[in-house]
C-alpha atoms as a PDB file:
ATOM      1  CA  MET A   1      39.668 -61.513  16.796  1.00  0.00           C
ATOM      2  CA  LYS A   2      41.052 -58.062  17.616  1.00  0.00           C
ATOM      3  CA  THR A   3      40.383 -55.114  15.350  1.00  0.00           C
ATOM      4  CA  SER A   4      43.548 -53.576  14.005  1.00  0.00           C
ATOM      5  CA  PRO A   5      44.399 -50.161  15.455  1.00  0.00           C
ATOM      6  CA  VAL A   6      45.082 -49.043  11.896  1.00  0.00           C
ATOM      7  CA  ILE A   7      41.523 -49.936  10.849  1.00  0.00           C
ATOM      8  CA  ILE A   8      40.098 -48.165  13.897  1.00  0.00           C
ATOM      9  CA  ALA A   9      42.156 -45.086  13.105  1.00  0.00           C
ATOM     10  CA  ALA A  10      41.020 -45.140   9.485  1.00  0.00           C
ATOM     11  CA  VAL A  11      37.342 -45.460  10.439  1.00  0.00           C
ATOM     12  CA  LEU A  12      37.691 -42.637  12.969  1.00  0.00           C
ATOM     13  CA  ALA A  13      39.404 -40.469  10.370  1.00  0.00           C
ATOM     14  CA  LEU A  14      36.624 -41.053   7.872  1.00  0.00           C
ATOM     15  CA  PHE A  15      33.975 -40.418  10.516  1.00  0.00           C
ATOM     16  CA  LEU A  16      35.609 -37.220  11.720  1.00  0.00           C
ATOM     17  CA  SER A  17      36.202 -36.070   8.160  1.00  0.00           C
ATOM     18  CA  GLY A  18      32.508 -36.484   7.409  1.00  0.00           C
ATOM     19  CA  CYS A  19      31.542 -34.692  10.614  1.00  0.00           C
ATOM     20  CA  VAL A  20      33.914 -31.821   9.961  1.00  0.00           C
ATOM     21  CA  GLN A  21      32.624 -31.491   6.411  1.00  0.00           C
ATOM     22  CA  SER A  22      29.010 -31.457   7.592  1.00  0.00           C
ATOM     23  CA  ILE A  23      29.800 -28.896  10.273  1.00  0.00           C
ATOM     24  CA  ALA A  24      31.675 -26.760   7.747  1.00  0.00           C
ATOM     25  CA  ILE A  25      28.806 -26.884   5.247  1.00  0.00           C
ATOM     26  CA  SER A  26      26.313 -26.090   7.997  1.00  0.00           C
ATOM     27  CA  THR A  27      28.407 -23.147   9.167  1.00  0.00           C
ATOM     28  CA  VAL A  28      29.086 -21.744   5.711  1.00  0.00           C
ATOM     29  CA  GLY A  29      25.482 -22.393   4.733  1.00  0.00           C
ATOM     30  CA  GLY A  30      24.379 -20.316   7.702  1.00  0.00           C
ATOM     31  CA  ILE A  31      26.692 -17.496   6.650  1.00  0.00           C
ATOM     32  CA  VAL A  32      25.296 -17.644   3.106  1.00  0.00           C
ATOM     33  CA  ASP A  33      21.787 -17.618   4.557  1.00  0.00           C
ATOM     34  CA  ASP A  34      22.612 -14.473   6.513  1.00  0.00           C
ATOM     35  CA  GLY A  35      24.279 -13.065   3.427  1.00  0.00           C
ATOM     36  CA  PHE A  36      21.047 -13.374   1.460  1.00  0.00           C
ATOM     37  CA  VAL A  37      19.249 -11.455   4.192  1.00  0.00           C
ATOM     38  CA  ALA A  38      21.853  -8.685   3.988  1.00  0.00           C
ATOM     39  CA  PHE A  39      21.599  -8.815   0.204  1.00  0.00           C
ATOM     40  CA  THR A  40      17.858  -8.094   0.199  1.00  0.00           C
ATOM     41  CA  GLU A  41      18.496  -5.012   2.338  1.00  0.00           C
ATOM     42  CA  GLU A  42      20.868  -3.548  -0.288  1.00  0.00           C
ATOM     43  CA  ASP A  43      19.595  -0.613  -2.348  1.00  0.00           C
ATOM     44  CA  ASP A  44      22.541  -0.183  -4.736  1.00  0.00           C
ATOM     45  CA  LEU A  45      21.510  -2.220  -7.764  1.00  0.00           C
ATOM     46  CA  ALA A  46      24.937  -2.270  -9.419  1.00  0.00           C
ATOM     47  CA  PHE A  47      26.565  -3.535  -6.235  1.00  0.00           C
ATOM     48  CA  ALA A  48      23.861  -6.161  -5.744  1.00  0.00           C
ATOM     49  CA  GLU A  49      24.103  -7.364  -9.345  1.00  0.00           C
ATOM     50  CA  ALA A  50      27.864  -7.804  -9.000  1.00  0.00           C
ATOM     51  CA  SER A  51      27.616  -9.542  -5.616  1.00  0.00           C
ATOM     52  CA  LEU A  52      24.882 -12.118  -6.077  1.00  0.00           C
ATOM     53  CA  PRO A  53      26.560 -14.450  -8.630  1.00  0.00           C
ATOM     54  CA  GLY A  54      29.432 -15.236  -6.241  1.00  0.00           C
ATOM     55  CA  ASN A  55      26.993 -16.179  -3.501  1.00  0.00           C
ATOM     56  CA  LEU A  56      25.036 -18.383  -5.866  1.00  0.00           C
ATOM     57  CA  LYS A  57      28.138 -20.221  -7.051  1.00  0.00           C
ATOM     58  CA  LEU A  58      29.150 -20.757  -3.415  1.00  0.00           C
ATOM     59  CA  VAL A  59      25.775 -22.392  -2.793  1.00  0.00           C
ATOM     60  CA  GLU A  60      26.348 -24.661  -5.791  1.00  0.00           C
ATOM     61  CA  VAL A  61      29.817 -25.610  -4.499  1.00  0.00           C
ATOM     62  CA  LEU A  62      28.304 -26.575  -1.143  1.00  0.00           C
ATOM     63  CA  LEU A  63      25.631 -28.600  -2.914  1.00  0.00           C
ATOM     64  CA  LYS A  64      28.348 -30.707  -4.562  1.00  0.00           C
ATOM     65  CA  SER A  65      29.120 -32.073  -1.095  1.00  0.00           C
ATOM     66  CA  GLU A  66      25.525 -32.220   0.147  1.00  0.00           C
ATOM     67  CA  PRO A  67      23.318 -32.474  -2.970  1.00  0.00           C
ATOM     68  CA  ASP A  68      20.133 -33.021  -0.960  1.00  0.00           C
ATOM     69  CA  ASN A  69      20.644 -30.181   1.538  1.00  0.00           C
ATOM     70  CA  GLU A  70      17.192 -28.605   1.752  1.00  0.00           C
ATOM     71  CA  ARG A  71      18.310 -25.164   2.906  1.00  0.00           C
ATOM     72  CA  LEU A  72      20.906 -24.861   0.145  1.00  0.00           C
ATOM     73  CA  LEU A  73      18.514 -26.065  -2.562  1.00  0.00           C
ATOM     74  CA  LEU A  74      15.954 -23.487  -1.426  1.00  0.00           C
ATOM     75  CA  LEU A  75      18.572 -20.713  -1.455  1.00  0.00           C
ATOM     76  CA  ALA A  76      19.665 -21.693  -4.953  1.00  0.00           C
ATOM     77  CA  SER A  77      16.080 -21.768  -6.204  1.00  0.00           C
ATOM     78  CA  GLN A  78      15.272 -18.374  -4.710  1.00  0.00           C
ATOM     79  CA  GLY A  79      18.583 -16.829  -5.715  1.00  0.00           C
ATOM     80  CA  TYR A  80      18.619 -17.789  -9.377  1.00  0.00           C
ATOM     81  CA  ALA A  81      14.978 -16.877  -9.954  1.00  0.00           C
ATOM     82  CA  SER A  82      15.415 -13.552  -8.145  1.00  0.00           C
ATOM     83  CA  TYR A  83      18.533 -12.752 -10.165  1.00  0.00           C
ATOM     84  CA  ALA A  84      16.644 -13.406 -13.400  1.00  0.00           C
ATOM     85  CA  LEU A  85      13.804 -11.097 -12.411  1.00  0.00           C
ATOM     86  CA  ALA A  86      15.962  -8.301 -11.030  1.00  0.00           C
ATOM     87  CA  PHE A  87      18.796  -8.147 -13.523  1.00  0.00           C
ATOM     88  CA  LEU A  88      18.049 -10.116 -16.690  1.00  0.00           C
ATOM     89  CA  GLU A  89      14.438 -10.251 -17.818  1.00  0.00           C
ATOM     90  CA  ASP A  90      14.338  -6.640 -19.066  1.00  0.00           C
ATOM     91  CA  SER A  91      17.692  -6.747 -20.880  1.00  0.00           C
ATOM     92  CA  ASP A  92      18.530 -10.327 -21.890  1.00  0.00           C
ATOM     93  CA  ARG A  93      15.498 -12.562 -22.200  1.00  0.00           C
ATOM     94  CA  ASP A  94      17.484 -15.627 -23.276  1.00  0.00           C
ATOM     95  CA  ARG A  95      19.702 -15.498 -20.176  1.00  0.00           C
ATOM     96  CA  ALA A  96      16.678 -14.697 -18.026  1.00  0.00           C
ATOM     97  CA  ARG A  97      14.909 -17.841 -19.264  1.00  0.00           C
ATOM     98  CA  SER A  98      18.024 -19.877 -18.533  1.00  0.00           C
ATOM     99  CA  PHE A  99      18.374 -18.521 -15.000  1.00  0.00           C
ATOM    100  CA  TYR A 100      14.672 -18.946 -14.267  1.00  0.00           C
ATOM    101  CA  LEU A 101      15.041 -22.584 -15.275  1.00  0.00           C
ATOM    102  CA  ARG A 102      18.000 -22.971 -12.922  1.00  0.00           C
ATOM    103  CA  GLY A 103      15.830 -21.656 -10.114  1.00  0.00           C
ATOM    104  CA  ARG A 104      13.037 -24.024 -11.075  1.00  0.00           C
ATOM    105  CA  ASP A 105      15.327 -27.030 -11.288  1.00  0.00           C
ATOM    106  CA  PHE A 106      16.944 -26.474  -7.890  1.00  0.00           C
ATOM    107  CA  GLY A 107      13.446 -26.173  -6.438  1.00  0.00           C
ATOM    108  CA  LEU A 108      12.332 -29.365  -8.154  1.00  0.00           C
ATOM    109  CA  ARG A 109      15.335 -31.207  -6.700  1.00  0.00           C
ATOM    110  CA  LEU A 110      14.071 -30.211  -3.287  1.00  0.00           C
ATOM    111  CA  LEU A 111      10.433 -31.078  -3.946  1.00  0.00           C
ATOM    112  CA  ARG A 112      11.290 -34.441  -5.521  1.00  0.00           C
ATOM    113  CA  GLN A 113      12.706 -35.631  -2.213  1.00  0.00           C
ATOM    114  CA  ASP A 114       9.024 -36.280  -1.440  1.00  0.00           C
ATOM    115  CA  GLN A 115       8.310 -39.272  -3.688  1.00  0.00           C
ATOM    116  CA  GLU A 116       4.541 -38.800  -3.734  1.00  0.00           C
ATOM    117  CA  LEU A 117       4.966 -35.160  -4.688  1.00  0.00           C
ATOM    118  CA  ALA A 118       7.537 -36.104  -7.344  1.00  0.00           C
ATOM    119  CA  ARG A 119       5.009 -38.429  -9.003  1.00  0.00           C
ATOM    120  CA  ALA A 120       2.341 -35.730  -8.838  1.00  0.00           C
ATOM    121  CA  ILE A 121       4.617 -33.135 -10.461  1.00  0.00           C
ATOM    122  CA  ASP A 122       5.133 -35.562 -13.343  1.00  0.00           C
ATOM    123  CA  GLY A 123       1.402 -36.332 -13.495  1.00  0.00           C
ATOM    124  CA  SER A 124      -1.542 -34.143 -14.352  1.00  0.00           C
ATOM    125  CA  PRO A 125      -2.315 -30.763 -12.743  1.00  0.00           C
ATOM    126  CA  ASP A 126      -5.223 -32.466 -10.954  1.00  0.00           C
ATOM    127  CA  ASP A 127      -2.808 -35.048  -9.527  1.00  0.00           C
ATOM    128  CA  LEU A 128      -0.632 -32.208  -8.262  1.00  0.00           C
ATOM    129  CA  ARG A 129      -3.572 -30.371  -6.691  1.00  0.00           C
ATOM    130  CA  ALA A 130      -4.711 -33.559  -4.964  1.00  0.00           C
ATOM    131  CA  VAL A 131      -1.316 -34.175  -3.352  1.00  0.00           C
ATOM    132  CA  LEU A 132      -0.848 -30.535  -2.392  1.00  0.00           C
ATOM    133  CA  ALA A 133      -4.246 -30.603  -0.689  1.00  0.00           C
ATOM    134  CA  SER A 134      -2.748 -32.987   1.870  1.00  0.00           C
ATOM    135  CA  ARG A 135       0.263 -30.755   2.613  1.00  0.00           C
ATOM    136  CA  ASP A 136       0.627 -27.890   5.083  1.00  0.00           C
ATOM    137  CA  ASN A 137       2.412 -24.536   5.101  1.00  0.00           C
ATOM    138  CA  GLY A 138       5.781 -26.174   5.795  1.00  0.00           C
ATOM    139  CA  LEU A 139       5.976 -26.825   2.068  1.00  0.00           C
ATOM    140  CA  VAL A 140       5.178 -23.222   1.085  1.00  0.00           C
ATOM    141  CA  PRO A 141       8.726 -21.810   0.595  1.00  0.00           C
ATOM    142  CA  ALA A 142       9.835 -24.670  -1.649  1.00  0.00           C
ATOM    143  CA  ILE A 143       6.616 -24.623  -3.669  1.00  0.00           C
ATOM    144  CA  PHE A 144       6.658 -20.837  -4.016  1.00  0.00           C
ATOM    145  CA  TRP A 145      10.234 -20.460  -5.258  1.00  0.00           C
ATOM    146  CA  THR A 146       9.985 -23.463  -7.574  1.00  0.00           C
ATOM    147  CA  ALA A 147       6.813 -22.072  -9.123  1.00  0.00           C
ATOM    148  CA  PHE A 148       8.327 -18.585  -9.215  1.00  0.00           C
ATOM    149  CA  GLY A 149      11.256 -19.770 -11.313  1.00  0.00           C
ATOM    150  CA  TRP A 150       9.083 -22.013 -13.446  1.00  0.00           C
ATOM    151  CA  GLY A 151       6.493 -19.310 -14.031  1.00  0.00           C
ATOM    152  CA  GLY A 152       9.130 -16.697 -14.756  1.00  0.00           C
ATOM    153  CA  TYR A 153      10.403 -18.909 -17.541  1.00  0.00           C
ATOM    154  CA  VAL A 154       6.887 -19.504 -18.870  1.00  0.00           C
ATOM    155  CA  GLN A 155       6.102 -15.785 -18.976  1.00  0.00           C
ATOM    156  CA  LEU A 156       9.143 -15.245 -21.189  1.00  0.00           C
ATOM    157  CA  ALA A 157       8.341 -18.198 -23.435  1.00  0.00           C
ATOM    158  CA  LEU A 158       4.644 -17.853 -24.224  1.00  0.00           C
ATOM    159  CA  ASP A 159       5.374 -18.621 -27.876  1.00  0.00           C
ATOM    160  CA  SER A 160       6.437 -22.129 -26.866  1.00  0.00           C
ATOM    161  CA  PRO A 161       3.720 -24.837 -26.754  1.00  0.00           C
ATOM    162  CA  ASP A 162       5.724 -26.731 -24.121  1.00  0.00           C
ATOM    163  CA  ALA A 163       5.890 -23.648 -21.901  1.00  0.00           C
ATOM    164  CA  LEU A 164       2.152 -23.032 -22.291  1.00  0.00           C
ATOM    165  CA  ALA A 165       1.514 -26.640 -21.288  1.00  0.00           C
ATOM    166  CA  ASP A 166       3.322 -25.976 -17.992  1.00  0.00           C
ATOM    167  CA  ILE A 167       0.973 -23.160 -16.932  1.00  0.00           C
ATOM    168  CA  PRO A 168      -1.632 -25.370 -15.190  1.00  0.00           C
ATOM    169  CA  ARG A 169       1.048 -26.966 -12.983  1.00  0.00           C
ATOM    170  CA  VAL A 170       2.527 -23.607 -12.058  1.00  0.00           C
ATOM    171  CA  GLU A 171      -0.937 -22.241 -11.284  1.00  0.00           C
ATOM    172  CA  ALA A 172      -1.709 -25.246  -9.097  1.00  0.00           C
ATOM    173  CA  MET A 173       1.458 -24.627  -7.097  1.00  0.00           C
ATOM    174  CA  MET A 174       0.840 -20.915  -6.602  1.00  0.00           C
ATOM    175  CA  GLU A 175      -2.830 -21.524  -5.781  1.00  0.00           C
ATOM    176  CA  PHE A 176      -1.627 -23.832  -3.011  1.00  0.00           C
ATOM    177  CA  VAL A 177       0.567 -21.047  -1.599  1.00  0.00           C
ATOM    178  CA  ALA A 178      -2.256 -18.497  -1.854  1.00  0.00           C
ATOM    179  CA  ALA A 179      -4.621 -20.849  -0.038  1.00  0.00           C
ATOM    180  CA  VAL A 180      -2.279 -22.076   2.692  1.00  0.00           C
ATOM    181  CA  ASP A 181      -0.147 -18.998   3.413  1.00  0.00           C
ATOM    182  CA  SER A 182      -1.423 -16.059   1.370  1.00  0.00           C
ATOM    183  CA  GLY A 183       0.925 -13.584   3.040  1.00  0.00           C
ATOM    184  CA  PHE A 184       4.106 -15.456   2.170  1.00  0.00           C
ATOM    185  CA  TYR A 185       6.677 -13.179   0.534  1.00  0.00           C
ATOM    186  CA  TYR A 186       4.438 -10.096   0.658  1.00  0.00           C
ATOM    187  CA  GLY A 187       1.488 -11.833  -0.962  1.00  0.00           C
ATOM    188  CA  GLY A 188       3.755 -13.077  -3.740  1.00  0.00           C
ATOM    189  CA  ALA A 189       1.425 -15.862  -4.862  1.00  0.00           C
ATOM    190  CA  HIS A 190      -1.326 -13.311  -5.520  1.00  0.00           C
ATOM    191  CA  ILE A 191       1.104 -11.073  -7.439  1.00  0.00           C
ATOM    192  CA  PHE A 192       2.168 -14.049  -9.523  1.00  0.00           C
ATOM    193  CA  LEU A 193      -1.367 -15.286 -10.200  1.00  0.00           C
ATOM    194  CA  GLY A 194      -2.523 -11.751 -10.979  1.00  0.00           C
ATOM    195  CA  THR A 195       0.286 -11.343 -13.484  1.00  0.00           C
ATOM    196  CA  LEU A 196      -0.411 -14.695 -15.095  1.00  0.00           C
ATOM    197  CA  ALA A 197      -4.129 -13.958 -15.445  1.00  0.00           C
ATOM    198  CA  GLY A 198      -3.569 -10.380 -16.543  1.00  0.00           C
ATOM    199  CA  MET A 199      -0.810 -10.641 -19.113  1.00  0.00           C
ATOM    200  CA  ARG A 200      -2.586 -13.052 -21.447  1.00  0.00           C
ATOM    201  CA  PRO A 201      -5.526 -12.233 -23.723  1.00  0.00           C
ATOM    202  CA  ARG A 202      -8.749 -14.068 -22.943  1.00  0.00           C
ATOM    203  CA  LEU A 203      -8.252 -16.411 -25.907  1.00  0.00           C
ATOM    204  CA  LEU A 204      -5.088 -17.725 -24.227  1.00  0.00           C
ATOM    205  CA  GLY A 205      -6.619 -18.096 -20.779  1.00  0.00           C
ATOM    206  CA  GLY A 206      -6.381 -14.528 -19.505  1.00  0.00           C
ATOM    207  CA  ASP A 207      -8.925 -13.242 -17.015  1.00  0.00           C
ATOM    208  CA  PRO A 208      -8.691  -9.499 -16.228  1.00  0.00           C
ATOM    209  CA  GLU A 209     -11.235  -9.617 -13.398  1.00  0.00           C
ATOM    210  CA  ARG A 210      -9.383 -12.425 -11.658  1.00  0.00           C
ATOM    211  CA  SER A 211      -6.108 -10.620 -12.255  1.00  0.00           C
ATOM    212  CA  ARG A 212      -7.342  -7.458 -10.571  1.00  0.00           C
ATOM    213  CA  ALA A 213      -8.737  -9.424  -7.616  1.00  0.00           C
ATOM    214  CA  HIS A 214      -5.345 -11.057  -7.019  1.00  0.00           C
ATOM    215  CA  PHE A 215      -3.472  -7.744  -7.163  1.00  0.00           C
ATOM    216  CA  GLU A 216      -5.903  -6.085  -4.790  1.00  0.00           C
ATOM    217  CA  ALA A 217      -5.502  -9.031  -2.414  1.00  0.00           C
ATOM    218  CA  ALA A 218      -1.718  -8.650  -2.555  1.00  0.00           C
ATOM    219  CA  LEU A 219      -1.944  -4.928  -1.821  1.00  0.00           C
ATOM    220  CA  ARG A 220      -4.104  -5.640   1.216  1.00  0.00           C
ATOM    221  CA  LEU A 221      -1.602  -8.216   2.447  1.00  0.00           C
ATOM    222  CA  ASN A 222       1.545  -6.129   1.998  1.00  0.00           C
ATOM    223  CA  GLY A 223       0.008  -2.727   2.616  1.00  0.00           C
ATOM    224  CA  GLY A 224       1.448  -1.422  -0.630  1.00  0.00           C
ATOM    225  CA  THR A 225       4.978  -1.537   0.776  1.00  0.00           C
ATOM    226  CA  PHE A 226       6.225  -4.184  -1.687  1.00  0.00           C
ATOM    227  CA  LEU A 227       6.415  -2.001  -4.781  1.00  0.00           C
ATOM    228  CA  MET A 228       6.732  -4.874  -7.228  1.00  0.00           C
ATOM    229  CA  THR A 229       2.982  -5.356  -6.683  1.00  0.00           C
ATOM    230  CA  HIS A 230       2.265  -2.044  -8.378  1.00  0.00           C
ATOM    231  CA  VAL A 231       4.733  -2.715 -11.189  1.00  0.00           C
ATOM    232  CA  TYR A 232       3.231  -6.028 -12.233  1.00  0.00           C
ATOM    233  CA  TYR A 233      -0.312  -4.731 -11.720  1.00  0.00           C
ATOM    234  CA  ALA A 234       0.517  -2.000 -14.240  1.00  0.00           C
ATOM    235  CA  LYS A 235       2.523  -4.219 -16.582  1.00  0.00           C
ATOM    236  CA  SER A 236      -0.093  -6.949 -16.851  1.00  0.00           C
ATOM    237  CA  TYR A 237      -3.636  -5.918 -15.938  1.00  0.00           C
ATOM    238  CA  ALA A 238      -3.470  -2.207 -16.810  1.00  0.00           C
ATOM    239  CA  VAL A 239      -1.746  -2.808 -20.147  1.00  0.00           C
ATOM    240  CA  GLN A 240      -3.997  -5.707 -21.144  1.00  0.00           C
ATOM    241  CA  THR A 241      -7.166  -3.721 -20.329  1.00  0.00           C
ATOM    242  CA  LEU A 242      -5.737  -0.489 -21.826  1.00  0.00           C
ATOM    243  CA  ASP A 243      -6.347   1.327 -18.537  1.00  0.00           C
ATOM    244  CA  GLU A 244      -3.759   4.062 -19.015  1.00  0.00           C
ATOM    245  CA  GLU A 245      -4.922   6.063 -16.007  1.00  0.00           C
ATOM    246  CA  LEU A 246      -4.400   3.110 -13.676  1.00  0.00           C
ATOM    247  CA  PHE A 247      -1.071   2.327 -15.348  1.00  0.00           C
ATOM    248  CA  VAL A 248       0.275   5.811 -14.662  1.00  0.00           C
ATOM    249  CA  SER A 249      -1.167   5.959 -11.140  1.00  0.00           C
ATOM    250  CA  LEU A 250       0.437   2.675 -10.112  1.00  0.00           C
ATOM    251  CA  LEU A 251       3.846   3.552 -11.511  1.00  0.00           C
ATOM    252  CA  GLU A 252       3.820   7.099 -10.135  1.00  0.00           C
ATOM    253  CA  THR A 253       3.123   5.552  -6.732  1.00  0.00           C
ATOM    254  CA  VAL A 254       6.258   3.434  -7.141  1.00  0.00           C
ATOM    255  CA  ARG A 255       8.246   6.481  -8.215  1.00  0.00           C
ATOM    256  CA  ALA A 256       7.098   8.515  -5.183  1.00  0.00           C
ATOM    257  CA  THR A 257       7.446   5.844  -2.480  1.00  0.00           C
ATOM    258  CA  PRO A 258      10.727   5.799  -0.507  1.00  0.00           C
ATOM    259  CA  LEU A 259      12.775   2.595  -0.508  1.00  0.00           C
ATOM    260  CA  ASP A 260      12.807   2.505   3.280  1.00  0.00           C
ATOM    261  CA  ILE A 261       9.100   1.814   3.394  1.00  0.00           C
ATOM    262  CA  LEU A 262      10.275  -1.830   3.405  1.00  0.00           C
ATOM    263  CA  PRO A 263      13.787  -1.752   4.921  1.00  0.00           C
ATOM    264  CA  GLU A 264      14.192  -5.535   4.945  1.00  0.00           C
ATOM    265  CA  ASN A 265      13.727  -5.606   1.164  1.00  0.00           C
ATOM    266  CA  ARG A 266      15.084  -2.360  -0.203  1.00  0.00           C
ATOM    267  CA  LEU A 267      16.536  -4.326  -3.093  1.00  0.00           C
ATOM    268  CA  ALA A 268      13.173  -5.486  -4.427  1.00  0.00           C
ATOM    269  CA  ASN A 269      11.819  -1.958  -4.148  1.00  0.00           C
ATOM    270  CA  ALA A 270      14.874  -0.543  -5.926  1.00  0.00           C
ATOM    271  CA  VAL A 271      14.308  -3.037  -8.731  1.00  0.00           C
ATOM    272  CA  ALA A 272      10.627  -2.060  -8.808  1.00  0.00           C
ATOM    273  CA  LYS A 273      11.571   1.594  -9.223  1.00  0.00           C
ATOM    274  CA  ARG A 274      13.841   0.774 -12.148  1.00  0.00           C
ATOM    275  CA  LYS A 275      11.145  -1.329 -13.789  1.00  0.00           C
ATOM    276  CA  ALA A 276       8.570   1.423 -13.219  1.00  0.00           C
ATOM    277  CA  GLU A 277      10.767   3.983 -14.975  1.00  0.00           C
ATOM    278  CA  ALA A 278      11.272   1.631 -17.911  1.00  0.00           C
ATOM    279  CA  LEU A 279       7.526   1.046 -18.237  1.00  0.00           C
ATOM    280  CA  LEU A 280       6.737   4.764 -18.054  1.00  0.00           C
ATOM    281  CA  ALA A 281       9.278   5.358 -20.804  1.00  0.00           C
ATOM    282  CA  ARG A 282       7.318   2.895 -22.988  1.00  0.00           C
ATOM    283  CA  ARG A 283       3.918   4.417 -22.215  1.00  0.00           C
ATOM    284  CA  SER A 284       3.259   5.693 -25.735  1.00  0.00           C
ATOM    285  CA  ASP A 285       4.056   2.265 -27.191  1.00  0.00           C
ATOM    286  CA  LEU A 286       1.767   0.444 -24.770  1.00  0.00           C
ATOM    287  CA  PHE A 287      -1.321   2.621 -25.136  1.00  0.00           C
END
């Protein structure tokens, strides 16, 4: 029985359509990837704040066609969480929580492609630690940005019992990053864990000594060039321990350090400078 030329043509059309779509998504995804790199080099905060939402919505459009695309899910997770930290958490906490959750949820979509890990995320923190113990540093970016978004939300919702219940899972994820690839994103896992341990009073699980150890580890790893380290060291540990001298010293360091000390991430350092100024302006209220 001969196959109809019409059927062959239809199959070829569908095949080629799928190939063209995949190629297009791959190409545009690569451009977006490069765009994020260029974005982190930007030092004009107003320009960056206006530019990032369009890139994020483009990533979401691409994900409609390829919902399991790992690179796009990672970009979305990183982008939404970074936007919340840079442009929302100091001015609109409700929107910041919402955007942190978007970052978390895109990251979870990526992580849940691993069925064993998906079950562990839904299980106990010990279950999660056990599964992560069998993973290598290939999982670090996805774990880091998922935990970053999740933890950012938690830090803005400490009055919520549900948010507090999430802390052990977030800690387990960041502890994995710190153990497997401590230098990832300028020692970001140590900055995160230091903030988490330093911002809470002891009765709620805070640990100032552990907080300081994490921040000092981060400073060793990034050489003090990632200025957000100093900001969160001051905001969490120094405030919680009422160490005003350290608070001022850390933030004056941020104020005095040129953005180009880390040219590939001028944006983060520009955000750090803005946050440092805001904290210094609140000095009399904090001490």
